Amino acid sequence: MRSRLARWTALAALAGLTLGTGQAQTTAELEALYWQRQQDARADYTPADVDFMTGMIGHHAQALVMSRLAPTHGASPAVQRLAARIINAQNDEIESMQRWLRVRGEPVPTARVDGLTLVMGIEGEEAGVDHEGMDHAGMDHGAMDAADAPPGETASGMDHGAAAHGGMDHEAMDHAGMDHSMMPGMLSQAQLEELDRARGPDFDRLFLRYMMQHHGGAITMVDALFGAHGAAQDGDAFKLASDIHVDQETEIARMDQMLRGMTD
């Protein structure tokens, strides 16, 4: 429903532009112009953009693992509120990054929980690789709404085999896209287990320290994306990465202040 509204809003805007030039266009012509612009936007991205989205989905998933421990581990009200904000923000960003990949015909990482282990997979395929030290509630996002597909092309008929955009090999993606444990800021299995054992004030301290480490890694990933030649030129990719950078920096400052304010 939202995608249909967005499309008709875009068509209305295009109609206004063409009327402003004195050239009235038919609905069919506006539809063709709309889909051409959509295709142009989808083509304006690089392998670095794809790698960033793919990797950041798994990176965000580990933050969800950590945050979901707060209510059951005696976290203070302040830490529980922070954890709830992280869950809401990063869930939304995960969905946005999955949508970005899906619209461009790239493999979309999915995840399901098995204790403290995140089992990663690719949308449309069975989950495959266990990534220890991560945990995330299963995300089952269906194929792109048919309303988002160009006329004559269904979502299921889109060429996802073209996912090797820029030489990216789907089969070589560790079935989930990247080795998430090697990404900046990621907690080791030992660190996650240490956090899981902590309770009360000990949990609060460890959570804040480890989440600052984790957020710092996300900032490093965004900086690497912006430093890659030709990357982040796509408007959606630039906005997503910029929002992540700002959010993570803001939360690091907040967590540092919370940590400094804790008494033994």
Protein backbone atom coordinates (compact mmCIF):
# COMPACT_ATOMS: atom_id res chain seq x y z
CA MET A 1 0.00 0.00 0.00
CA ARG A 2 2.80 2.38 0.95
CA SER A 3 4.71 1.58 -2.25
CA ARG A 4 1.63 2.28 -4.40
CA LEU A 5 1.11 5.62 -2.66
CA ALA A 6 4.77 6.51 -3.17
CA ARG A 7 4.54 5.64 -6.86
CA TRP A 8 1.43 7.73 -7.46
CA THR A 9 2.93 10.61 -5.51
CA ALA A 10 5.99 10.42 -7.77
CA LEU A 11 3.79 10.29 -10.86
CA ALA A 12 1.90 13.36 -9.70
CA ALA A 13 5.19 15.18 -9.17
CA LEU A 14 6.37 14.22 -12.65
CA ALA A 15 3.07 15.41 -14.09
CA GLY A 16 3.59 18.77 -12.39
CA LEU A 17 7.09 19.05 -13.85
CA THR A 18 5.93 18.29 -17.38
CA LEU A 19 2.97 20.67 -17.12
CA GLY A 20 5.39 23.36 -16.00
CA THR A 21 7.17 23.00 -19.34
CA GLY A 22 3.90 23.17 -21.25
CA GLN A 23 4.10 19.50 -22.25
CA ALA A 24 1.08 17.49 -21.11
CA GLN A 25 1.84 13.76 -20.94
CA THR A 26 -0.37 10.72 -20.78
CA THR A 27 -0.43 8.38 -17.80
CA ALA A 28 1.39 5.75 -19.85
CA GLU A 29 4.15 8.23 -20.68
CA LEU A 30 4.45 9.24 -17.05
CA GLU A 31 4.59 5.57 -16.02
CA ALA A 32 7.42 4.97 -18.50
CA LEU A 33 9.30 8.03 -17.23
CA TYR A 34 8.81 6.91 -13.62
CA TRP A 35 10.18 3.43 -14.25
CA GLN A 36 13.11 4.82 -16.23
CA ARG A 37 14.04 7.00 -13.27
CA GLN A 38 13.66 4.02 -10.95
CA GLN A 39 16.00 1.96 -13.10
CA ASP A 40 18.51 4.81 -13.29
CA ALA A 41 18.49 5.12 -9.50
CA ARG A 42 18.99 1.38 -9.04
CA ALA A 43 21.93 1.35 -11.43
CA ASP A 44 23.76 4.12 -9.57
CA TYR A 45 25.49 1.97 -6.96
CA THR A 46 28.73 0.05 -6.51
CA PRO A 47 29.92 -3.25 -5.02
CA ALA A 48 31.04 -1.25 -1.98
CA ASP A 49 27.45 -0.14 -1.41
CA VAL A 50 26.23 -3.73 -1.63
CA ASP A 51 28.96 -4.95 0.74
CA PHE A 52 28.10 -2.21 3.22
CA MET A 53 24.37 -3.01 3.27
CA THR A 54 25.02 -6.74 3.45
CA GLY A 55 27.53 -6.46 6.24
CA MET A 56 25.68 -3.83 8.26
CA ILE A 57 22.58 -6.05 8.45
CA GLY A 58 24.60 -8.67 10.34
CA HIS A 59 26.40 -5.98 12.35
CA HIS A 60 23.09 -4.45 13.47
CA ALA A 61 21.76 -7.91 14.31
CA GLN A 62 24.40 -8.36 16.99
CA ALA A 63 23.39 -5.07 18.60
CA LEU A 64 19.87 -6.49 18.84
CA VAL A 65 21.22 -9.57 20.61
CA MET A 66 22.93 -7.44 23.21
CA SER A 67 19.97 -5.10 23.67
CA ARG A 68 17.46 -7.89 24.13
CA LEU A 69 19.38 -9.16 27.15
CA ALA A 70 18.68 -5.97 29.11
CA PRO A 71 15.16 -6.76 30.41
CA THR A 72 16.15 -10.25 31.63
CA HIS A 73 19.53 -9.37 33.13
CA GLY A 74 18.58 -6.80 35.73
CA ALA A 75 19.55 -3.77 33.70
CA SER A 76 18.75 -0.36 35.17
CA PRO A 77 15.73 1.56 33.78
CA ALA A 78 18.10 3.92 31.94
CA VAL A 79 19.94 1.07 30.23
CA GLN A 80 16.66 -0.66 29.40
CA ARG A 81 15.37 2.52 27.75
CA LEU A 82 18.60 2.82 25.77
CA ALA A 83 18.39 -0.83 24.72
CA ALA A 84 14.77 -0.37 23.60
CA ARG A 85 15.76 2.64 21.47
CA ILE A 86 18.57 0.65 19.89
CA ILE A 87 16.20 -2.22 19.08
CA ASN A 88 13.66 0.09 17.43
CA ALA A 89 16.22 2.09 15.44
CA GLN A 90 18.30 -0.83 14.24
CA ASN A 91 15.30 -2.99 13.36
CA ASP A 92 14.09 -0.15 11.14
CA GLU A 93 17.52 0.24 9.57
CA ILE A 94 17.82 -3.51 8.95
CA GLU A 95 14.51 -3.44 7.10
CA SER A 96 15.62 -0.42 5.08
CA MET A 97 18.89 -2.10 4.10
CA GLN A 98 17.10 -5.31 3.17
CA ARG A 99 14.69 -3.30 1.03
CA TRP A 100 17.59 -1.46 -0.63
CA LEU A 101 19.19 -4.78 -1.60
CA ARG A 102 15.90 -6.37 -2.67
CA VAL A 103 14.89 -3.52 -4.95
CA ARG A 104 18.26 -3.72 -6.69
CA GLY A 105 18.09 -7.46 -7.21
CA GLU A 106 20.93 -8.19 -4.77
CA PRO A 107 20.97 -11.12 -2.29
CA VAL A 108 19.15 -10.16 0.91
CA PRO A 109 20.54 -11.53 4.22
CA THR A 110 18.06 -13.03 6.66
CA ALA A 111 18.58 -14.28 10.20
CA ARG A 112 17.05 -16.48 12.87
CA VAL A 113 17.90 -17.10 16.50
CA ASP A 114 19.45 -20.18 18.06
CA GLY A 115 20.47 -19.28 21.60
CA LEU A 116 23.38 -16.84 21.33
CA THR A 117 23.96 -17.89 17.74
CA LEU A 118 22.69 -16.06 14.69
CA VAL A 119 21.90 -18.38 11.80
CA MET A 120 22.31 -16.38 8.62
CA GLY A 121 20.77 -17.11 5.28
CA ILE A 122 19.72 -15.50 2.03
CA GLU A 123 16.12 -14.49 1.42
CA GLY A 124 14.41 -17.12 -0.68
CA GLU A 125 16.86 -19.84 0.34
CA GLU A 126 17.21 -21.97 3.44
CA ALA A 127 19.32 -20.46 6.22
CA GLY A 128 22.81 -21.81 6.11
CA VAL A 129 25.73 -20.52 8.12
CA ASP A 130 25.92 -20.25 11.91
CA HIS A 131 27.59 -17.04 13.02
CA GLU A 132 28.44 -17.52 16.67
CA GLY A 133 28.12 -14.59 18.98
CA MET A 134 25.12 -13.06 17.23
CA ASP A 135 21.41 -13.40 17.88
CA HIS A 136 18.49 -11.80 16.14
CA ALA A 137 14.81 -12.54 15.90
CA GLY A 138 14.03 -14.10 12.54
CA MET A 139 13.27 -11.61 9.83
CA ASP A 140 10.95 -12.98 7.18
CA HIS A 141 10.55 -10.31 4.55
CA GLY A 142 8.64 -11.43 1.51
CA ALA A 143 9.51 -10.68 -2.08
CA MET A 144 9.11 -7.15 -3.34
CA ASP A 145 5.48 -6.09 -3.73
CA ALA A 146 4.34 -6.55 -7.30
CA ALA A 147 3.40 -2.86 -7.27
CA ASP A 148 7.12 -2.09 -7.01
CA ALA A 149 7.97 -4.04 -10.17
CA PRO A 150 7.98 -2.37 -13.59
CA PRO A 151 5.01 -3.10 -15.90
CA GLY A 152 5.21 -6.61 -17.29
CA GLU A 153 7.74 -7.71 -14.69
CA THR A 154 6.71 -9.49 -11.50
CA ALA A 155 8.74 -9.51 -8.33
CA SER A 156 9.32 -13.23 -8.59
CA GLY A 157 10.43 -12.78 -12.17
CA MET A 158 13.14 -10.31 -11.40
CA ASP A 159 16.63 -11.41 -12.30
CA HIS A 160 18.31 -12.04 -8.98
CA GLY A 161 20.96 -13.95 -10.82
CA ALA A 162 22.24 -10.52 -11.77
CA ALA A 163 23.15 -10.11 -8.12
CA ALA A 164 26.79 -10.40 -9.12
CA HIS A 165 26.62 -6.64 -9.69
CA GLY A 166 30.14 -5.35 -9.92
CA GLY A 167 31.55 -8.88 -9.75
CA MET A 168 29.87 -9.87 -6.48
CA ASP A 169 29.59 -13.67 -6.38
CA HIS A 170 26.39 -14.80 -4.65
CA GLU A 171 27.68 -18.30 -3.93
CA ALA A 172 30.92 -16.95 -2.48
CA MET A 173 29.14 -14.71 0.03
CA ASP A 174 29.51 -17.18 2.92
CA HIS A 175 25.78 -17.71 2.25
CA ALA A 176 25.04 -14.63 4.28
CA GLY A 177 27.16 -12.01 2.66
CA MET A 178 30.27 -11.65 4.80
CA ASP A 179 32.15 -13.13 7.73
CA HIS A 180 30.40 -10.91 10.26
CA SER A 181 32.73 -11.86 13.10
CA MET A 182 35.57 -10.04 11.33
CA MET A 183 33.73 -6.72 11.00
CA PRO A 184 34.85 -3.73 13.09
CA GLY A 185 33.44 -3.55 16.60
CA MET A 186 31.85 -7.00 16.59
CA LEU A 187 31.88 -8.78 19.95
CA SER A 188 33.57 -12.15 20.18
CA GLN A 189 31.67 -15.19 21.39
CA ALA A 190 33.56 -14.92 24.71
CA GLN A 191 32.47 -11.29 25.13
CA LEU A 192 28.84 -12.13 24.41
CA GLU A 193 28.91 -14.97 26.91
CA GLU A 194 30.48 -12.64 29.49
CA LEU A 195 27.65 -10.17 28.92
CA ASP A 196 25.08 -12.95 29.18
CA ARG A 197 26.47 -13.99 32.59
CA ALA A 198 26.40 -10.46 34.03
CA ARG A 199 23.52 -9.12 36.09
CA GLY A 200 22.45 -5.79 37.51
CA PRO A 201 25.10 -3.00 37.64
CA ASP A 202 27.72 -5.38 36.25
CA PHE A 203 25.50 -5.93 33.23
CA ASP A 204 24.98 -2.18 32.81
CA ARG A 205 28.72 -1.46 32.76
CA LEU A 206 29.52 -4.29 30.40
CA PHE A 207 26.62 -3.46 28.11
CA LEU A 208 27.66 0.18 27.82
CA ARG A 209 31.32 -0.64 27.19
CA TYR A 210 30.57 -3.32 24.63
CA MET A 211 27.88 -1.30 22.86
CA MET A 212 30.28 1.63 22.57
CA GLN A 213 32.79 -0.77 20.99
CA HIS A 214 30.08 -2.07 18.67
CA HIS A 215 28.82 1.36 17.63
CA GLY A 216 32.40 2.49 17.01
CA GLY A 217 32.77 -0.37 14.55
CA ALA A 218 29.65 0.75 12.66
CA ILE A 219 31.12 4.25 12.35
CA THR A 220 34.32 2.74 10.96
CA MET A 221 32.26 0.85 8.36
CA VAL A 222 30.46 4.02 7.29
CA ASP A 223 33.77 5.89 7.01
CA ALA A 224 35.13 3.07 4.84
CA LEU A 225 32.07 3.27 2.59
CA PHE A 226 32.43 7.03 2.14
CA GLY A 227 36.11 6.53 1.38
CA ALA A 228 35.46 3.95 -1.36
CA HIS A 229 35.68 5.29 -4.91
CA GLY A 230 32.24 5.97 -6.38
CA ALA A 231 30.38 4.60 -3.35
CA ALA A 232 27.39 6.19 -1.56
CA GLN A 233 26.38 8.14 -4.69
CA ASP A 234 22.98 6.45 -4.58
CA GLY A 235 20.69 8.77 -2.59
CA ASP A 236 19.18 6.04 -0.42
CA ALA A 237 22.58 4.53 0.36
CA PHE A 238 24.00 7.91 1.30
CA LYS A 239 21.08 8.70 3.61
CA LEU A 240 21.16 5.29 5.30
CA ALA A 241 24.88 5.44 5.92
CA SER A 242 24.75 9.06 7.09
CA ASP A 243 21.89 8.33 9.50
CA ILE A 244 23.77 5.35 10.92
CA HIS A 245 26.89 7.46 11.45
CA VAL A 246 25.01 10.25 13.24
CA ASP A 247 22.92 7.87 15.37
CA GLN A 248 25.90 5.81 16.47
CA GLU A 249 27.99 8.85 17.36
CA THR A 250 25.12 10.33 19.37
CA GLU A 251 24.56 7.10 21.27
CA ILE A 252 28.27 6.64 21.99
CA ALA A 253 28.33 10.08 23.61
CA ARG A 254 25.22 9.22 25.62
CA MET A 255 26.62 5.87 26.75
CA ASP A 256 29.96 7.40 27.72
CA GLN A 257 28.12 9.90 29.89
CA MET A 258 26.02 7.11 31.46
CA LEU A 259 29.13 5.04 32.17
CA ARG A 260 30.92 7.99 33.77
CA GLY A 261 27.90 8.64 35.96
CA MET A 262 27.79 5.13 37.39
CA THR A 263 29.00 4.59 40.94
CA ASP A 264 30.64 1.42 42.19
